[in-house]
Every structure is written in structure tokens, then in C-alpha cells.
Amino acid sequence: MTEINLSKQPEIFVKMVLDAWHSKTGQLDKLMSELSDEQLLQEVSPGRNRGIYLLGHLTALADSIFPLLGYEKLAEHMFQPFVLTPDKQTDAIPTIQDVKQDWTRVKTKLAEKMATISANEWFQKHTNVTAEDFEKEPYRNKLNVVLSRVSHVDYHLGQLQFLKPKQ
């Protein structure tokens, strides 16, 4: 049996989470390349969100990771129509092309920023937690922010699969 070098565990955990993030965002990119604009305008199931809304929602929430890591947002304009407003409650949403471009810009820049964070920094508190709360709840760290967003992307990725034509 191979022994695990315990001194490398922080790096291993970070790699696992970031690999999961890159895998899920890559799956989303692949699906977006397979769906037409017409398909993105459809609801994932009757009475549910449209594909364009879910992509905008994921873009806005990926963008909201930046300040939690100590950086400025890139796509602040996405938060109101895709997080604060339910789908189909406003006509003031960007075009499909603009949403796709914002998604690519946000996830690319986020990957660049994530690559510069050391393993030890990932286990430090994110900006929305106080030092006192972090003392009691050390899992409220930067890495956990990304981990929670991985599951969020995965959830909506599952919904978006329903936009693909049945075979």
C-alpha cells in the first residue's frame, strides 16, 4: 500500500476541488457549444427556467466568487437580471451572445486568479466571514466557496441537459 504524505494534504485537497471546478465548467462549455440559441431560449421543463437564464445565473454566481477571494467582480451587470430577478420577470436581459461572452470572460479570469492562490491561502477565511466566526467555523474558507459552487454548477448543468433533443 502506498503511504500518503500528510504534509501534501492541503495541495491535494486544493487540486481535487479546482479539478472538479474545471471539470464542471468544461462540461458546461461543451453543452453550450452543442445547444442552439433557440434551445437556450426554451424552458428546461414546463414552467421552469430557460437555458439562457441558467447560463446567466451561473455567470453571475461565478462572478460573485471574485470578491470572496479578494478581487473585483467582472460582470456586476449580471447579478440583477439573473440572481435578484426570477426568469421571465424582466425583458432587460443581455443577448445570448453577450451572456456566453460574459461566461467565458468570467470563468477564464477566475481560473487565472485561482491559479495564483497558494494552498495555504485557500484555507484562509473568505471576505464575507468575520475573524470571530472563522475561528469557530474554519471551514468557511476560500476553498469551500469554490466547492459549494461546483455543486451549484453541477445542479444547473443537470437541468440544462433537458434542452438537448431526445435521441
N, C-alpha and C. Protein backbone atom coordinates (compact mmCIF):
# COMPACT_ATOMS: atom_id res chain seq x y z
N MET A 1 0.85 -1.17 0.00
CA MET A 1 0.00 0.00 0.00
C MET A 1 0.90 1.24 0.00
N THR A 2 0.48 2.25 -0.76
CA THR A 2 1.23 3.49 -0.84
C THR A 2 0.87 4.39 0.33
N GLU A 3 1.88 4.93 0.97
CA GLU A 3 1.64 5.86 2.08
C GLU A 3 1.38 7.25 1.53
N ILE A 4 0.48 7.94 2.18
CA ILE A 4 0.17 9.32 1.80
C ILE A 4 1.05 10.25 2.60
N ASN A 5 1.67 11.18 1.92
CA ASN A 5 2.48 12.19 2.57
C ASN A 5 1.53 13.24 3.15
N LEU A 6 1.33 13.22 4.47
CA LEU A 6 0.37 14.11 5.11
C LEU A 6 0.71 15.59 4.94
N SER A 7 1.96 15.89 4.73
CA SER A 7 2.33 17.30 4.55
C SER A 7 1.82 17.85 3.22
N LYS A 8 1.42 16.97 2.31
CA LYS A 8 0.91 17.39 1.00
C LYS A 8 -0.61 17.45 0.94
N GLN A 9 -1.29 17.18 2.05
CA GLN A 9 -2.75 17.15 2.02
C GLN A 9 -3.40 18.46 1.59
N PRO A 10 -2.93 19.61 2.05
CA PRO A 10 -3.58 20.85 1.57
C PRO A 10 -3.53 20.97 0.04
N GLU A 11 -2.39 20.66 -0.55
CA GLU A 11 -2.26 20.74 -2.01
C GLU A 11 -3.19 19.73 -2.70
N ILE A 12 -3.30 18.55 -2.10
CA ILE A 12 -4.17 17.52 -2.67
C ILE A 12 -5.63 17.98 -2.63
N PHE A 13 -6.07 18.51 -1.50
CA PHE A 13 -7.45 18.99 -1.38
C PHE A 13 -7.73 20.10 -2.38
N VAL A 14 -6.80 21.05 -2.48
CA VAL A 14 -6.98 22.16 -3.43
C VAL A 14 -7.07 21.62 -4.84
N LYS A 15 -6.19 20.71 -5.20
CA LYS A 15 -6.22 20.14 -6.55
C LYS A 15 -7.54 19.44 -6.82
N MET A 16 -8.05 18.69 -5.85
CA MET A 16 -9.31 17.99 -6.02
C MET A 16 -10.46 18.96 -6.29
N VAL A 17 -10.53 20.03 -5.52
CA VAL A 17 -11.62 20.99 -5.67
C VAL A 17 -11.49 21.76 -6.98
N LEU A 18 -10.29 22.24 -7.28
CA LEU A 18 -10.10 23.00 -8.52
C LEU A 18 -10.28 22.12 -9.76
N ASP A 19 -9.86 20.87 -9.68
CA ASP A 19 -10.11 19.95 -10.80
C ASP A 19 -11.61 19.75 -10.99
N ALA A 20 -12.36 19.64 -9.91
CA ALA A 20 -13.81 19.50 -10.01
C ALA A 20 -14.43 20.75 -10.63
N TRP A 21 -13.96 21.93 -10.21
CA TRP A 21 -14.46 23.18 -10.78
C TRP A 21 -14.20 23.22 -12.29
N HIS A 22 -12.97 22.94 -12.69
CA HIS A 22 -12.61 22.99 -14.11
C HIS A 22 -13.36 21.92 -14.92
N SER A 23 -13.59 20.77 -14.31
CA SER A 23 -14.34 19.72 -14.99
C SER A 23 -15.78 20.15 -15.24
N LYS A 24 -16.43 20.69 -14.22
CA LYS A 24 -17.84 21.09 -14.38
C LYS A 24 -17.98 22.28 -15.33
N THR A 25 -17.09 23.25 -15.23
CA THR A 25 -17.19 24.39 -16.16
C THR A 25 -16.87 23.94 -17.58
N GLY A 26 -15.99 22.96 -17.71
CA GLY A 26 -15.70 22.40 -19.04
C GLY A 26 -16.91 21.67 -19.61
N GLN A 27 -17.62 20.93 -18.75
CA GLN A 27 -18.84 20.26 -19.19
C GLN A 27 -19.89 21.27 -19.61
N LEU A 28 -19.98 22.37 -18.87
CA LEU A 28 -20.93 23.42 -19.24
C LEU A 28 -20.55 24.03 -20.58
N ASP A 29 -19.27 24.30 -20.79
CA ASP A 29 -18.81 24.84 -22.07
C ASP A 29 -19.18 23.90 -23.22
N LYS A 30 -18.95 22.62 -23.02
CA LYS A 30 -19.26 21.63 -24.07
C LYS A 30 -20.75 21.64 -24.38
N LEU A 31 -21.57 21.65 -23.35
CA LEU A 31 -23.02 21.66 -23.56
C LEU A 31 -23.44 22.94 -24.28
N MET A 32 -22.89 24.07 -23.88
CA MET A 32 -23.25 25.34 -24.54
C MET A 32 -22.87 25.32 -26.02
N SER A 33 -21.80 24.64 -26.36
CA SER A 33 -21.40 24.56 -27.77
C SER A 33 -22.34 23.66 -28.57
N GLU A 34 -23.05 22.78 -27.89
CA GLU A 34 -23.98 21.85 -28.55
C GLU A 34 -25.39 22.41 -28.68
N LEU A 35 -25.73 23.40 -27.85
CA LEU A 35 -27.10 23.93 -27.85
C LEU A 35 -27.20 25.15 -28.76
N SER A 36 -28.29 25.21 -29.49
CA SER A 36 -28.55 26.37 -30.36
C SER A 36 -29.13 27.51 -29.52
N ASP A 37 -29.14 28.69 -30.09
CA ASP A 37 -29.76 29.83 -29.41
C ASP A 37 -31.24 29.55 -29.15
N GLU A 38 -31.90 28.90 -30.09
CA GLU A 38 -33.32 28.57 -29.91
C GLU A 38 -33.52 27.63 -28.72
N GLN A 39 -32.62 26.66 -28.58
CA GLN A 39 -32.72 25.75 -27.45
C GLN A 39 -32.49 26.48 -26.13
N LEU A 40 -31.55 27.43 -26.12
CA LEU A 40 -31.27 28.19 -24.90
C LEU A 40 -32.44 29.09 -24.50
N LEU A 41 -33.31 29.40 -25.42
CA LEU A 41 -34.48 30.22 -25.10
C LEU A 41 -35.65 29.39 -24.57
N GLN A 42 -35.49 28.08 -24.57
CA GLN A 42 -36.55 27.18 -24.08
C GLN A 42 -36.42 26.97 -22.58
N GLU A 43 -37.54 26.63 -21.95
CA GLU A 43 -37.54 26.24 -20.54
C GLU A 43 -36.96 24.84 -20.43
N VAL A 44 -36.23 24.57 -19.35
CA VAL A 44 -35.65 23.24 -19.18
C VAL A 44 -36.73 22.19 -18.95
N SER A 45 -37.85 22.60 -18.41
CA SER A 45 -39.07 21.80 -18.34
C SER A 45 -40.21 22.80 -18.17
N PRO A 46 -41.43 22.39 -18.45
CA PRO A 46 -42.55 23.34 -18.41
C PRO A 46 -42.63 24.11 -17.09
N GLY A 47 -42.69 25.43 -17.20
CA GLY A 47 -42.81 26.29 -16.04
C GLY A 47 -41.50 26.56 -15.31
N ARG A 48 -40.39 26.05 -15.83
CA ARG A 48 -39.09 26.23 -15.18
C ARG A 48 -38.27 27.29 -15.91
N ASN A 49 -37.04 27.50 -15.45
CA ASN A 49 -36.16 28.50 -16.04
C ASN A 49 -35.75 28.12 -17.46
N ARG A 50 -35.46 29.17 -18.24
CA ARG A 50 -34.93 28.97 -19.58
C ARG A 50 -33.41 28.75 -19.50
N GLY A 51 -32.88 28.14 -20.53
CA GLY A 51 -31.45 27.89 -20.60
C GLY A 51 -30.63 29.16 -20.49
N ILE A 52 -31.04 30.21 -21.17
CA ILE A 52 -30.31 31.49 -21.14
C ILE A 52 -30.26 32.04 -19.73
N TYR A 53 -31.36 31.89 -19.00
CA TYR A 53 -31.39 32.38 -17.62
C TYR A 53 -30.40 31.59 -16.76
N LEU A 54 -30.38 30.28 -16.93
CA LEU A 54 -29.48 29.46 -16.11
C LEU A 54 -28.01 29.77 -16.41
N LEU A 55 -27.69 30.01 -17.69
CA LEU A 55 -26.31 30.37 -18.02
C LEU A 55 -25.97 31.74 -17.43
N GLY A 56 -26.88 32.69 -17.50
CA GLY A 56 -26.66 34.00 -16.89
C GLY A 56 -26.52 33.90 -15.38
N HIS A 57 -27.34 33.06 -14.78
CA HIS A 57 -27.31 32.81 -13.34
C HIS A 57 -25.96 32.24 -12.92
N LEU A 58 -25.48 31.23 -13.65
CA LEU A 58 -24.18 30.64 -13.33
C LEU A 58 -23.05 31.63 -13.55
N THR A 59 -23.19 32.48 -14.54
CA THR A 59 -22.18 33.52 -14.79
C THR A 59 -22.13 34.50 -13.62
N ALA A 60 -23.30 34.97 -13.20
CA ALA A 60 -23.37 35.93 -12.10
C ALA A 60 -22.81 35.34 -10.81
N LEU A 61 -23.10 34.07 -10.55
CA LEU A 61 -22.62 33.45 -9.32
C LEU A 61 -21.13 33.12 -9.40
N ALA A 62 -20.63 32.78 -10.56
CA ALA A 62 -19.18 32.60 -10.72
C ALA A 62 -18.50 33.95 -10.51
N ASP A 63 -19.10 35.01 -11.04
CA ASP A 63 -18.56 36.36 -10.87
C ASP A 63 -18.54 36.76 -9.39
N SER A 64 -19.51 36.27 -8.64
CA SER A 64 -19.58 36.64 -7.21
C SER A 64 -18.51 35.94 -6.38
N ILE A 65 -17.78 35.00 -6.97
CA ILE A 65 -16.66 34.37 -6.28
C ILE A 65 -15.50 35.36 -6.14
N PHE A 66 -15.32 36.21 -7.14
CA PHE A 66 -14.19 37.15 -7.13
C PHE A 66 -14.07 37.92 -5.81
N PRO A 67 -15.10 38.64 -5.37
CA PRO A 67 -14.93 39.41 -4.12
C PRO A 67 -14.69 38.53 -2.89
N LEU A 68 -15.21 37.31 -2.89
CA LEU A 68 -14.97 36.41 -1.77
C LEU A 68 -13.50 36.00 -1.68
N LEU A 69 -12.82 36.05 -2.82
CA LEU A 69 -11.39 35.74 -2.86
C LEU A 69 -10.53 36.99 -2.76
N GLY A 70 -11.18 38.16 -2.73
CA GLY A 70 -10.44 39.41 -2.58
C GLY A 70 -10.21 40.17 -3.87
N TYR A 71 -10.95 39.85 -4.92
CA TYR A 71 -10.81 40.51 -6.22
C TYR A 71 -12.10 41.24 -6.58
N GLU A 72 -12.03 42.07 -7.60
CA GLU A 72 -13.21 42.81 -8.06
C GLU A 72 -14.01 41.97 -9.06
N LYS A 73 -15.33 42.15 -9.03
CA LYS A 73 -16.21 41.48 -9.99
C LYS A 73 -15.93 41.98 -11.40
N LEU A 74 -16.23 41.13 -12.38
CA LEU A 74 -16.09 41.49 -13.79
C LEU A 74 -17.44 41.76 -14.46
N ALA A 75 -18.49 41.15 -13.94
CA ALA A 75 -19.79 41.21 -14.62
C ALA A 75 -20.91 41.55 -13.64
N GLU A 76 -20.73 42.63 -12.92
CA GLU A 76 -21.72 43.07 -11.93
C GLU A 76 -23.12 43.20 -12.54
N HIS A 77 -23.18 43.59 -13.81
CA HIS A 77 -24.45 43.79 -14.50
C HIS A 77 -25.28 42.51 -14.64
N MET A 78 -24.68 41.36 -14.37
CA MET A 78 -25.40 40.10 -14.50
C MET A 78 -26.20 39.74 -13.24
N PHE A 79 -25.88 40.34 -12.11
CA PHE A 79 -26.49 39.94 -10.85
C PHE A 79 -27.99 40.27 -10.79
N GLN A 80 -28.35 41.47 -11.15
CA GLN A 80 -29.76 41.88 -11.07
C GLN A 80 -30.67 40.99 -11.93
N PRO A 81 -30.39 40.84 -13.23
CA PRO A 81 -31.33 40.06 -14.04
C PRO A 81 -31.28 38.55 -13.84
N PHE A 82 -30.17 38.02 -13.31
CA PHE A 82 -30.02 36.57 -13.25
C PHE A 82 -29.95 35.98 -11.85
N VAL A 83 -29.97 36.84 -10.83
CA VAL A 83 -29.98 36.34 -9.45
C VAL A 83 -31.13 36.98 -8.68
N LEU A 84 -31.23 38.29 -8.76
CA LEU A 84 -32.25 39.00 -7.99
C LEU A 84 -33.63 38.97 -8.63
N THR A 85 -33.71 38.71 -9.93
CA THR A 85 -34.98 38.72 -10.66
C THR A 85 -35.28 37.32 -11.19
N PRO A 86 -36.44 36.78 -10.92
CA PRO A 86 -36.79 35.46 -11.47
C PRO A 86 -36.84 35.50 -13.00
N ASP A 87 -36.62 34.37 -13.61
CA ASP A 87 -36.68 34.27 -15.06
C ASP A 87 -38.06 34.70 -15.56
N LYS A 88 -38.05 35.36 -16.69
CA LYS A 88 -39.24 35.83 -17.39
C LYS A 88 -39.97 36.96 -16.68
N GLN A 89 -39.35 37.54 -15.65
CA GLN A 89 -39.95 38.67 -14.93
C GLN A 89 -39.47 40.01 -15.46
N THR A 90 -38.50 39.98 -16.37
CA THR A 90 -38.00 41.20 -16.99
C THR A 90 -37.53 40.90 -18.40
N ASP A 91 -37.65 41.88 -19.26
CA ASP A 91 -37.12 41.75 -20.61
C ASP A 91 -35.71 42.32 -20.70
N ALA A 92 -35.23 42.89 -19.60
CA ALA A 92 -33.93 43.57 -19.59
C ALA A 92 -32.80 42.59 -19.29
N ILE A 93 -32.65 41.61 -20.16
CA ILE A 93 -31.53 40.70 -20.01
C ILE A 93 -30.63 40.83 -21.24
N PRO A 94 -29.35 40.54 -21.06
CA PRO A 94 -28.43 40.61 -22.20
C PRO A 94 -28.79 39.56 -23.26
N THR A 95 -28.23 39.73 -24.44
CA THR A 95 -28.44 38.76 -25.51
C THR A 95 -27.73 37.45 -25.18
N ILE A 96 -28.10 36.40 -25.88
CA ILE A 96 -27.45 35.11 -25.68
C ILE A 96 -25.96 35.24 -25.94
N GLN A 97 -25.59 35.92 -27.01
CA GLN A 97 -24.18 36.10 -27.34
C GLN A 97 -23.44 36.83 -26.21
N ASP A 98 -24.06 37.86 -25.66
CA ASP A 98 -23.43 38.62 -24.56
C ASP A 98 -23.28 37.76 -23.31
N VAL A 99 -24.30 36.95 -23.01
CA VAL A 99 -24.22 36.08 -21.83
C VAL A 99 -23.11 35.05 -22.01
N LYS A 100 -23.02 34.47 -23.21
CA LYS A 100 -21.95 33.50 -23.48
C LYS A 100 -20.58 34.15 -23.36
N GLN A 101 -20.45 35.37 -23.87
CA GLN A 101 -19.17 36.07 -23.78
C GLN A 101 -18.82 36.39 -22.33
N ASP A 102 -19.81 36.83 -21.55
CA ASP A 102 -19.57 37.11 -20.13
C ASP A 102 -19.17 35.83 -19.39
N TRP A 103 -19.84 34.72 -19.69
CA TRP A 103 -19.50 33.45 -19.06
C TRP A 103 -18.03 33.11 -19.33
N THR A 104 -17.64 33.20 -20.59
CA THR A 104 -16.26 32.86 -20.97
C THR A 104 -15.26 33.79 -20.29
N ARG A 105 -15.56 35.06 -20.29
CA ARG A 105 -14.67 36.04 -19.68
C ARG A 105 -14.53 35.80 -18.17
N VAL A 106 -15.64 35.59 -17.49
CA VAL A 106 -15.63 35.38 -16.04
C VAL A 106 -14.90 34.09 -15.68
N LYS A 107 -15.25 32.99 -16.32
CA LYS A 107 -14.63 31.71 -15.93
C LYS A 107 -13.15 31.67 -16.30
N THR A 108 -12.76 32.35 -17.38
CA THR A 108 -11.34 32.39 -17.77
C THR A 108 -10.53 33.20 -16.78
N LYS A 109 -11.02 34.38 -16.42
CA LYS A 109 -10.31 35.23 -15.47
C LYS A 109 -10.30 34.60 -14.08
N LEU A 110 -11.39 33.95 -13.71
CA LEU A 110 -11.46 33.28 -12.42
C LEU A 110 -10.42 32.16 -12.36
N ALA A 111 -10.28 31.39 -13.43
CA ALA A 111 -9.28 30.33 -13.47
C ALA A 111 -7.88 30.91 -13.32
N GLU A 112 -7.63 32.05 -13.96
CA GLU A 112 -6.32 32.70 -13.84
C GLU A 112 -6.06 33.11 -12.39
N LYS A 113 -7.04 33.71 -11.75
CA LYS A 113 -6.88 34.14 -10.36
C LYS A 113 -6.71 32.94 -9.43
N MET A 114 -7.50 31.90 -9.64
CA MET A 114 -7.42 30.71 -8.79
C MET A 114 -6.03 30.09 -8.86
N ALA A 115 -5.42 30.12 -10.03
CA ALA A 115 -4.10 29.51 -10.22
C ALA A 115 -3.01 30.23 -9.43
N THR A 116 -3.27 31.47 -9.02
CA THR A 116 -2.25 32.24 -8.28
C THR A 116 -2.36 32.10 -6.77
N ILE A 117 -3.41 31.44 -6.30
CA ILE A 117 -3.64 31.31 -4.86
C ILE A 117 -2.92 30.07 -4.35
N SER A 118 -2.13 30.24 -3.31
CA SER A 118 -1.38 29.12 -2.73
C SER A 118 -2.33 28.20 -1.96
N ALA A 119 -1.87 26.99 -1.72
CA ALA A 119 -2.68 26.02 -0.97
C ALA A 119 -3.04 26.57 0.41
N ASN A 120 -2.10 27.19 1.09
CA ASN A 120 -2.39 27.74 2.42
C ASN A 120 -3.41 28.87 2.34
N GLU A 121 -3.34 29.70 1.32
CA GLU A 121 -4.30 30.80 1.18
C GLU A 121 -5.72 30.27 0.97
N TRP A 122 -5.87 29.13 0.28
CA TRP A 122 -7.20 28.57 0.06
C TRP A 122 -7.90 28.23 1.36
N PHE A 123 -7.13 27.96 2.41
CA PHE A 123 -7.72 27.58 3.69
C PHE A 123 -7.90 28.77 4.63
N GLN A 124 -7.68 29.97 4.13
CA GLN A 124 -7.93 31.18 4.90
C GLN A 124 -9.38 31.61 4.70
N LYS A 125 -9.84 32.47 5.57
CA LYS A 125 -11.24 32.91 5.51
C LYS A 125 -11.51 33.69 4.23
N HIS A 126 -12.73 33.56 3.74
CA HIS A 126 -13.13 34.40 2.62
C HIS A 126 -13.61 35.74 3.17
N THR A 127 -13.87 36.69 2.30
CA THR A 127 -14.12 38.07 2.74
C THR A 127 -15.48 38.28 3.41
N ASN A 128 -16.40 37.36 3.28
CA ASN A 128 -17.73 37.54 3.90
C ASN A 128 -17.87 36.89 5.25
N VAL A 129 -16.76 36.47 5.84
CA VAL A 129 -16.81 35.87 7.17
C VAL A 129 -15.90 36.68 8.09
N THR A 130 -16.38 36.90 9.29
CA THR A 130 -15.57 37.65 10.26
C THR A 130 -14.49 36.75 10.84
N ALA A 131 -13.47 37.36 11.40
CA ALA A 131 -12.41 36.60 12.05
C ALA A 131 -12.97 35.76 13.20
N GLU A 132 -13.92 36.33 13.94
CA GLU A 132 -14.52 35.62 15.07
C GLU A 132 -15.30 34.40 14.58
N ASP A 133 -16.10 34.58 13.54
CA ASP A 133 -16.86 33.45 13.01
C ASP A 133 -15.95 32.39 12.40
N PHE A 134 -14.88 32.85 11.74
CA PHE A 134 -13.95 31.91 11.14
C PHE A 134 -13.23 31.09 12.20
N GLU A 135 -12.98 31.70 13.33
CA GLU A 135 -12.35 30.99 14.45
C GLU A 135 -13.22 29.80 14.87
N LYS A 136 -14.55 30.02 14.90
CA LYS A 136 -15.49 28.97 15.29
C LYS A 136 -15.79 28.00 14.15
N GLU A 137 -15.73 28.53 12.91
CA GLU A 137 -16.10 27.73 11.74
C GLU A 137 -15.02 27.84 10.66
N PRO A 138 -13.89 27.18 10.86
CA PRO A 138 -12.76 27.32 9.92
C PRO A 138 -13.03 26.75 8.53
N TYR A 139 -14.10 26.01 8.38
CA TYR A 139 -14.46 25.50 7.06
C TYR A 139 -15.04 26.60 6.17
N ARG A 140 -15.30 27.78 6.72
CA ARG A 140 -15.80 28.91 5.92
C ARG A 140 -14.60 29.61 5.27
N ASN A 141 -13.90 28.83 4.46
CA ASN A 141 -12.69 29.31 3.82
C ASN A 141 -12.90 29.48 2.31
N LYS A 142 -11.88 29.99 1.67
CA LYS A 142 -11.96 30.28 0.23
C LYS A 142 -12.21 29.00 -0.59
N LEU A 143 -11.56 27.92 -0.20
CA LEU A 143 -11.73 26.68 -0.95
C LEU A 143 -13.16 26.17 -0.88
N ASN A 144 -13.79 26.32 0.27
CA ASN A 144 -15.16 25.86 0.43
C ASN A 144 -16.13 26.66 -0.44
N VAL A 145 -15.80 27.92 -0.71
CA VAL A 145 -16.62 28.73 -1.62
C VAL A 145 -16.66 28.06 -2.99
N VAL A 146 -15.49 27.69 -3.49
CA VAL A 146 -15.41 27.06 -4.81
C VAL A 146 -16.10 25.70 -4.78
N LEU A 147 -15.89 24.94 -3.73
CA LEU A 147 -16.53 23.63 -3.61
C LEU A 147 -18.05 23.76 -3.67
N SER A 148 -18.60 24.73 -2.97
CA SER A 148 -20.06 24.90 -3.00
C SER A 148 -20.54 25.31 -4.39
N ARG A 149 -19.74 26.08 -5.11
CA ARG A 149 -20.13 26.49 -6.46
C ARG A 149 -20.02 25.34 -7.45
N VAL A 150 -19.14 24.39 -7.19
CA VAL A 150 -19.04 23.21 -8.05
C VAL A 150 -20.38 22.48 -8.04
N SER A 151 -20.92 22.27 -6.85
CA SER A 151 -22.20 21.56 -6.78
C SER A 151 -23.33 22.38 -7.39
N HIS A 152 -23.24 23.69 -7.29
CA HIS A 152 -24.26 24.55 -7.89
C HIS A 152 -24.21 24.46 -9.42
N VAL A 153 -23.01 24.51 -9.98
CA VAL A 153 -22.87 24.36 -11.44
C VAL A 153 -23.39 23.00 -11.85
N ASP A 154 -23.05 21.97 -11.11
CA ASP A 154 -23.48 20.61 -11.44
C ASP A 154 -25.00 20.49 -11.43
N TYR A 155 -25.64 21.10 -10.45
CA TYR A 155 -27.11 21.07 -10.36
C TYR A 155 -27.75 21.67 -11.62
N HIS A 156 -27.31 22.87 -11.99
CA HIS A 156 -27.89 23.52 -13.16
C HIS A 156 -27.46 22.87 -14.47
N LEU A 157 -26.28 22.28 -14.49
CA LEU A 157 -25.84 21.52 -15.66
C LEU A 157 -26.80 20.36 -15.91
N GLY A 158 -27.24 19.72 -14.85
CA GLY A 158 -28.22 18.65 -14.98
C GLY A 158 -29.53 19.16 -15.57
N GLN A 159 -29.97 20.34 -15.15
CA GLN A 159 -31.19 20.92 -15.71
C GLN A 159 -31.01 21.25 -17.19
N LEU A 160 -29.88 21.82 -17.51
CA LEU A 160 -29.63 22.24 -18.90
C LEU A 160 -29.58 21.05 -19.86
N GLN A 161 -29.27 19.88 -19.35
CA GLN A 161 -29.25 18.68 -20.21
C GLN A 161 -30.61 18.44 -20.85
N PHE A 162 -31.68 18.88 -20.20
CA PHE A 162 -33.02 18.67 -20.74
C PHE A 162 -33.28 19.48 -22.00
N LEU A 163 -32.41 20.43 -22.31
CA LEU A 163 -32.57 21.21 -23.54
C LEU A 163 -32.08 20.46 -24.77
N LYS A 164 -31.29 19.42 -24.55
CA LYS A 164 -30.80 18.63 -25.68
C LYS A 164 -31.95 17.83 -26.27
N PRO A 165 -31.97 17.70 -27.58
CA PRO A 165 -33.06 16.91 -28.18
C PRO A 165 -32.97 15.45 -27.76
N LYS A 166 -34.14 14.84 -27.63
CA LYS A 166 -34.19 13.40 -27.28
C LYS A 166 -33.72 12.60 -28.48
N GLN A 167 -32.99 11.55 -28.18
CA GLN A 167 -32.44 10.73 -29.28
C GLN A 167 -33.25 9.50 -29.51
